[in-house]
Amino acid sequence: MSLRQLSSSLSSLSLSLRPSLASSSSRSLLTFSPRPSTSTASPFPRRAFSSSPPTLATLNQVTRGARKPIRRQPKTPALQGCYQKKGVCSKVYTVKPKKPNSAVRKVAKVKLSTGRAIIAYIPGEGHNLQEHSVVLVRGGRTQDIPGAKYKIVRGALDLGGVAGRAVSRSKYGTKKPKAL
């Protein structure tokens, strides 16, 4: 079967499936009746006077500038567009992760310099944070801790780097070990 035959059969099929506007059933849909018909389950009259779906803007709305680009919500709203913010730890504690994982994750409640309080994850093994420690907070979600959208930067301000770290040292604030 050629492409032309296939397209003509599809167009004839779609034309036969379309309801004709001359039929009495479609004419009754186009008129607004104040009393709902008894055959429908809804007590409200059918809104047949609008030909376009409610999500589409009309031409008049488009010419007046109704279409606005969708603004993306920031993933780290407390940082207010900055890369890092300074804050003070108000509570350092541990939490258990979400369902498939099992561990003891170290987190801190941090009051940022902007006044907002957030939950931040402390990456790496071991830390020296306590209640009034000054820390640097960056964005970065910890997937298995609900509410932890931020991470504390290791090796900055009061938080030391991970001791004895050999690989990925820059992520954990560890200096290069001295060669023997």
C-alpha atoms as a PDB file:
ATOM      1  CA  MET A   1       0.000   0.000   0.000  1.00  0.00           C
ATOM      2  CA  SER A   2       1.482   3.320  -1.031  1.00  0.00           C
ATOM      3  CA  LEU A   3       1.755   6.373   1.183  1.00  0.00           C
ATOM      4  CA  ARG A   4      -0.789   8.306  -0.927  1.00  0.00           C
ATOM      5  CA  GLN A   5      -3.409   5.530  -0.590  1.00  0.00           C
ATOM      6  CA  LEU A   6      -2.786   5.326   3.152  1.00  0.00           C
ATOM      7  CA  SER A   7      -3.197   9.075   3.662  1.00  0.00           C
ATOM      8  CA  SER A   8      -6.415   9.189   1.583  1.00  0.00           C
ATOM      9  CA  SER A   9      -7.925   6.283   3.533  1.00  0.00           C
ATOM     10  CA  LEU A  10      -7.016   7.955   6.829  1.00  0.00           C
ATOM     11  CA  SER A  11      -8.556  11.265   5.764  1.00  0.00           C
ATOM     12  CA  SER A  12     -11.776   9.570   4.652  1.00  0.00           C
ATOM     13  CA  LEU A  13     -11.858   7.640   7.924  1.00  0.00           C
ATOM     14  CA  SER A  14     -11.407  10.789  10.000  1.00  0.00           C
ATOM     15  CA  LEU A  15     -14.091  12.596   7.971  1.00  0.00           C
ATOM     16  CA  SER A  16     -16.566   9.788   8.526  1.00  0.00           C
ATOM     17  CA  LEU A  17     -15.932   9.781  12.271  1.00  0.00           C
ATOM     18  CA  ARG A  18     -16.496  13.545  12.663  1.00  0.00           C
ATOM     19  CA  PRO A  19     -20.023  14.565  13.685  1.00  0.00           C
ATOM     20  CA  SER A  20     -21.721  16.794  11.175  1.00  0.00           C
ATOM     21  CA  LEU A  21     -22.824  20.225  12.372  1.00  0.00           C
ATOM     22  CA  ALA A  22     -26.156  19.831  10.594  1.00  0.00           C
ATOM     23  CA  SER A  23     -27.329  17.039  12.892  1.00  0.00           C
ATOM     24  CA  SER A  24     -29.891  17.868  15.545  1.00  0.00           C
ATOM     25  CA  SER A  25     -27.782  16.521  18.439  1.00  0.00           C
ATOM     26  CA  SER A  26     -24.905  18.920  17.748  1.00  0.00           C
ATOM     27  CA  ARG A  27     -27.341  21.822  17.231  1.00  0.00           C
ATOM     28  CA  SER A  28     -28.755  21.223  20.695  1.00  0.00           C
ATOM     29  CA  LEU A  29     -25.220  21.309  22.132  1.00  0.00           C
ATOM     30  CA  LEU A  30     -24.526  24.691  20.600  1.00  0.00           C
ATOM     31  CA  THR A  31     -27.514  26.341  22.235  1.00  0.00           C
ATOM     32  CA  PHE A  32     -27.573  27.145  25.928  1.00  0.00           C
ATOM     33  CA  SER A  33     -30.605  25.878  27.785  1.00  0.00           C
ATOM     34  CA  PRO A  34     -31.397  27.357  31.216  1.00  0.00           C
ATOM     35  CA  ARG A  35     -32.717  24.024  32.504  1.00  0.00           C
ATOM     36  CA  PRO A  36     -30.381  20.992  32.417  1.00  0.00           C
ATOM     37  CA  SER A  37     -31.602  17.907  30.663  1.00  0.00           C
ATOM     38  CA  THR A  38     -32.668  14.981  32.829  1.00  0.00           C
ATOM     39  CA  SER A  39     -30.484  12.488  30.941  1.00  0.00           C
ATOM     40  CA  THR A  40     -27.183  13.911  32.209  1.00  0.00           C
ATOM     41  CA  ALA A  41     -25.945  13.144  35.710  1.00  0.00           C
ATOM     42  CA  SER A  42     -24.589  16.668  36.294  1.00  0.00           C
ATOM     43  CA  PRO A  43     -27.003  19.246  37.768  1.00  0.00           C
ATOM     44  CA  PHE A  44     -25.194  22.056  35.889  1.00  0.00           C
ATOM     45  CA  PRO A  45     -25.910  22.951  32.249  1.00  0.00           C
ATOM     46  CA  ARG A  46     -23.372  21.922  29.668  1.00  0.00           C
ATOM     47  CA  ARG A  47     -21.060  24.740  28.578  1.00  0.00           C
ATOM     48  CA  ALA A  48     -21.343  24.425  24.823  1.00  0.00           C
ATOM     49  CA  PHE A  49     -20.829  28.105  23.948  1.00  0.00           C
ATOM     50  CA  SER A  50     -16.991  27.903  24.083  1.00  0.00           C
ATOM     51  CA  SER A  51     -15.356  26.249  21.102  1.00  0.00           C
ATOM     52  CA  SER A  52     -11.788  26.267  22.471  1.00  0.00           C
ATOM     53  CA  PRO A  53     -10.445  24.395  25.494  1.00  0.00           C
ATOM     54  CA  PRO A  54     -10.004  26.553  28.612  1.00  0.00           C
ATOM     55  CA  THR A  55      -6.193  26.285  28.564  1.00  0.00           C
ATOM     56  CA  LEU A  56      -5.720  27.988  25.202  1.00  0.00           C
ATOM     57  CA  ALA A  57      -5.519  31.780  25.048  1.00  0.00           C
ATOM     58  CA  THR A  58      -7.730  33.656  22.613  1.00  0.00           C
ATOM     59  CA  LEU A  59      -6.235  35.793  19.864  1.00  0.00           C
ATOM     60  CA  ASN A  60      -7.247  38.951  21.711  1.00  0.00           C
ATOM     61  CA  GLN A  61      -5.511  37.759  24.868  1.00  0.00           C
ATOM     62  CA  VAL A  62      -2.372  36.913  22.908  1.00  0.00           C
ATOM     63  CA  THR A  63      -2.232  40.353  21.282  1.00  0.00           C
ATOM     64  CA  ARG A  64      -2.550  41.983  24.711  1.00  0.00           C
ATOM     65  CA  GLY A  65       0.430  39.940  25.936  1.00  0.00           C
ATOM     66  CA  ALA A  66      -1.251  37.225  27.961  1.00  0.00           C
ATOM     67  CA  ARG A  67       1.416  34.596  27.315  1.00  0.00           C
ATOM     68  CA  LYS A  68       4.137  34.833  29.915  1.00  0.00           C
ATOM     69  CA  PRO A  69       7.145  32.520  30.080  1.00  0.00           C
ATOM     70  CA  ILE A  70       6.961  30.000  32.915  1.00  0.00           C
ATOM     71  CA  ARG A  71       9.438  31.034  35.611  1.00  0.00           C
ATOM     72  CA  ARG A  72      11.450  28.134  37.002  1.00  0.00           C
ATOM     73  CA  GLN A  73      11.454  27.883  40.789  1.00  0.00           C
ATOM     74  CA  PRO A  74      14.946  27.917  42.348  1.00  0.00           C
ATOM     75  CA  LYS A  75      16.064  24.645  43.899  1.00  0.00           C
ATOM     76  CA  THR A  76      17.907  26.484  46.679  1.00  0.00           C
ATOM     77  CA  PRO A  77      15.698  29.444  47.615  1.00  0.00           C
ATOM     78  CA  ALA A  78      17.484  30.277  50.887  1.00  0.00           C
ATOM     79  CA  LEU A  79      20.724  31.145  49.043  1.00  0.00           C
ATOM     80  CA  GLN A  80      18.880  33.903  47.134  1.00  0.00           C
ATOM     81  CA  GLY A  81      20.845  33.382  43.923  1.00  0.00           C
ATOM     82  CA  CYS A  82      24.267  33.312  45.649  1.00  0.00           C
ATOM     83  CA  TYR A  83      26.694  30.405  45.405  1.00  0.00           C
ATOM     84  CA  GLN A  84      27.294  30.175  49.167  1.00  0.00           C
ATOM     85  CA  LYS A  85      25.979  31.790  52.334  1.00  0.00           C
ATOM     86  CA  LYS A  86      27.497  32.029  55.783  1.00  0.00           C
ATOM     87  CA  GLY A  87      25.529  30.760  58.754  1.00  0.00           C
ATOM     88  CA  VAL A  88      25.688  29.676  62.375  1.00  0.00           C
ATOM     89  CA  CYS A  89      24.820  26.146  63.500  1.00  0.00           C
ATOM     90  CA  SER A  90      21.913  26.122  65.910  1.00  0.00           C
ATOM     91  CA  LYS A  91      21.686  22.316  66.241  1.00  0.00           C
ATOM     92  CA  VAL A  92      23.922  19.433  65.114  1.00  0.00           C
ATOM     93  CA  TYR A  93      22.237  16.043  65.053  1.00  0.00           C
ATOM     94  CA  THR A  94      21.834  12.766  63.138  1.00  0.00           C
ATOM     95  CA  VAL A  95      18.932  11.425  61.077  1.00  0.00           C
ATOM     96  CA  LYS A  96      18.102   8.131  59.407  1.00  0.00           C
ATOM     97  CA  PRO A  97      17.703   8.189  55.602  1.00  0.00           C
ATOM     98  CA  LYS A  98      14.619   7.350  53.532  1.00  0.00           C
ATOM     99  CA  LYS A  99      13.355   3.837  52.850  1.00  0.00           C
ATOM    100  CA  PRO A 100      15.807   1.683  50.882  1.00  0.00           C
ATOM    101  CA  ASN A 101      18.891   3.113  52.641  1.00  0.00           C
ATOM    102  CA  SER A 102      20.076   2.522  56.178  1.00  0.00           C
ATOM    103  CA  ALA A 103      22.691   4.718  57.865  1.00  0.00           C
ATOM    104  CA  VAL A 104      23.193   7.554  60.327  1.00  0.00           C
ATOM    105  CA  ARG A 105      23.462  10.842  58.427  1.00  0.00           C
ATOM    106  CA  LYS A 106      24.952  13.904  60.113  1.00  0.00           C
ATOM    107  CA  VAL A 107      22.974  17.117  59.574  1.00  0.00           C
ATOM    108  CA  ALA A 108      22.932  20.588  61.086  1.00  0.00           C
ATOM    109  CA  LYS A 109      20.241  23.206  61.463  1.00  0.00           C
ATOM    110  CA  VAL A 110      21.897  26.414  60.258  1.00  0.00           C
ATOM    111  CA  LYS A 111      20.672  29.991  60.691  1.00  0.00           C
ATOM    112  CA  LEU A 112      21.925  31.869  57.629  1.00  0.00           C
ATOM    113  CA  SER A 113      23.115  35.466  57.568  1.00  0.00           C
ATOM    114  CA  THR A 114      19.842  36.342  55.835  1.00  0.00           C
ATOM    115  CA  GLY A 115      17.901  35.128  58.870  1.00  0.00           C
ATOM    116  CA  ARG A 116      16.490  31.955  57.340  1.00  0.00           C
ATOM    117  CA  ALA A 117      16.938  28.624  59.125  1.00  0.00           C
ATOM    118  CA  ILE A 118      17.730  25.595  56.936  1.00  0.00           C
ATOM    119  CA  ILE A 119      18.757  21.953  57.293  1.00  0.00           C
ATOM    120  CA  ALA A 120      22.196  21.255  55.786  1.00  0.00           C
ATOM    121  CA  TYR A 121      24.010  17.935  55.337  1.00  0.00           C
ATOM    122  CA  ILE A 122      27.564  17.528  56.656  1.00  0.00           C
ATOM    123  CA  PRO A 123      29.445  15.493  54.028  1.00  0.00           C
ATOM    124  CA  GLY A 124      32.394  13.196  54.710  1.00  0.00           C
ATOM    125  CA  GLU A 125      33.459  11.010  57.613  1.00  0.00           C
ATOM    126  CA  GLY A 126      33.643  12.749  60.989  1.00  0.00           C
ATOM    127  CA  HIS A 127      33.275  16.458  61.748  1.00  0.00           C
ATOM    128  CA  ASN A 128      34.117  19.026  64.415  1.00  0.00           C
ATOM    129  CA  LEU A 129      30.876  21.027  64.329  1.00  0.00           C
ATOM    130  CA  GLN A 130      29.035  22.049  67.462  1.00  0.00           C
ATOM    131  CA  GLU A 131      26.249  24.440  68.341  1.00  0.00           C
ATOM    132  CA  HIS A 132      27.706  27.907  67.623  1.00  0.00           C
ATOM    133  CA  SER A 133      30.078  26.969  64.784  1.00  0.00           C
ATOM    134  CA  VAL A 134      30.226  29.348  61.805  1.00  0.00           C
ATOM    135  CA  VAL A 135      29.856  27.442  58.526  1.00  0.00           C
ATOM    136  CA  LEU A 136      29.657  28.073  54.802  1.00  0.00           C
ATOM    137  CA  VAL A 137      26.568  26.583  53.114  1.00  0.00           C
ATOM    138  CA  ARG A 138      26.253  25.693  49.429  1.00  0.00           C
ATOM    139  CA  GLY A 139      23.427  24.236  47.384  1.00  0.00           C
ATOM    140  CA  GLY A 140      23.114  20.526  46.738  1.00  0.00           C
ATOM    141  CA  ARG A 141      20.333  18.169  47.703  1.00  0.00           C
ATOM    142  CA  THR A 142      20.969  15.014  49.714  1.00  0.00           C
ATOM    143  CA  GLN A 143      18.566  12.599  48.078  1.00  0.00           C
ATOM    144  CA  ASP A 144      17.785  10.305  51.001  1.00  0.00           C
ATOM    145  CA  ILE A 145      17.305  12.995  53.665  1.00  0.00           C
ATOM    146  CA  PRO A 146      13.948  14.797  53.450  1.00  0.00           C
ATOM    147  CA  GLY A 147      14.323  18.573  53.653  1.00  0.00           C
ATOM    148  CA  ALA A 148      18.115  18.707  53.191  1.00  0.00           C
ATOM    149  CA  LYS A 149      18.565  20.908  50.091  1.00  0.00           C
ATOM    150  CA  TYR A 150      21.949  22.305  51.196  1.00  0.00           C
ATOM    151  CA  LYS A 151      25.426  21.037  52.073  1.00  0.00           C
ATOM    152  CA  ILE A 152      28.056  22.493  54.365  1.00  0.00           C
ATOM    153  CA  VAL A 153      31.417  23.227  52.713  1.00  0.00           C
ATOM    154  CA  ARG A 154      34.239  21.168  54.257  1.00  0.00           C
ATOM    155  CA  GLY A 155      37.483  22.968  55.094  1.00  0.00           C
ATOM    156  CA  ALA A 156      35.851  26.427  55.208  1.00  0.00           C
ATOM    157  CA  LEU A 157      35.431  28.620  58.328  1.00  0.00           C
ATOM    158  CA  ASP A 158      34.915  26.476  61.464  1.00  0.00           C
ATOM    159  CA  LEU A 159      34.400  23.106  59.739  1.00  0.00           C
ATOM    160  CA  GLY A 160      37.669  21.247  59.113  1.00  0.00           C
ATOM    161  CA  GLY A 161      38.453  18.961  56.218  1.00  0.00           C
ATOM    162  CA  VAL A 162      38.176  15.189  56.306  1.00  0.00           C
ATOM    163  CA  ALA A 163      41.265  13.690  57.971  1.00  0.00           C
ATOM    164  CA  GLY A 164      43.175  11.088  55.976  1.00  0.00           C
ATOM    165  CA  ARG A 165      41.252  11.628  52.742  1.00  0.00           C
ATOM    166  CA  ALA A 166      43.248  10.553  49.653  1.00  0.00           C
ATOM    167  CA  VAL A 167      40.787  10.810  46.735  1.00  0.00           C
ATOM    168  CA  SER A 168      38.358  13.636  45.847  1.00  0.00           C
ATOM    169  CA  ARG A 169      40.181  15.834  48.367  1.00  0.00           C
ATOM    170  CA  SER A 170      38.904  19.125  46.947  1.00  0.00           C
ATOM    171  CA  LYS A 171      35.305  18.158  47.737  1.00  0.00           C
ATOM    172  CA  TYR A 172      36.190  17.469  51.367  1.00  0.00           C
ATOM    173  CA  GLY A 173      38.633  20.283  52.125  1.00  0.00           C
ATOM    174  CA  THR A 174      41.700  18.108  52.593  1.00  0.00           C
ATOM    175  CA  LYS A 175      45.211  19.315  51.791  1.00  0.00           C
ATOM    176  CA  LYS A 176      47.582  17.236  49.698  1.00  0.00           C
ATOM    177  CA  PRO A 177      49.567  14.868  51.944  1.00  0.00           C
ATOM    178  CA  LYS A 178      53.293  15.595  52.283  1.00  0.00           C
ATOM    179  CA  ALA A 179      55.491  13.325  50.166  1.00  0.00           C
ATOM    180  CA  LEU A 180      57.917  11.214  52.208  1.00  0.00           C
END
